[in-house]
Amino acid sequence: MNAYEYLKEIGKLLIGIKGIKSLKIGLEPNISPSDYPIIRIVPNEIRLSDDFDLWASDINFSVYFGAQLHEKIGLEKIYEQLYSLEYEIKERLHNAQFEPNADKTRGGGICRFIATKDDGDTLKNFKILVSEFELKGGR
């Protein structure tokens, strides 16, 4: 599979998370308030895998997720919601395995969670967290 095909498969694993209004590949600049809560899958780096074989690739990607800030709800409640969402994303992606095709020339690989961080409040009126993952050994 190519990197985009893997990102689509990763997205399929995240479908059905309760409360998410918008799930897409890529982080477009004009996300509207009606799109929130969001999940965005963003590729960061693709490189040759040292751990598997000379044809396998590792794909580093980020999962952005966030909610609109509301004075009525308060920041503490937003953090509670976002870290519940972060847990759900990790549960679905960490150690997810991708099956190779029948002759084992395409596909395969395993997904690993790396870290979650705050985006530094780059979007006014929104709270975004970013979880970093690596898919190891994809072909």
Foldseek 3Di string as FASTA:
>chain_A
DDPVVVVVVLQVLVPPDPPQQEEEEDDDPDDDLVRPQYKYKYWDDKDQFPPDDRVFIKTKIKIKGKHFDDPVCDPVNRVVVVVVVVVSSCVRAAQDWWDAPPVNPFITWGKHWDDKDWPVCPDPRMTMMMTMMMTHGGD
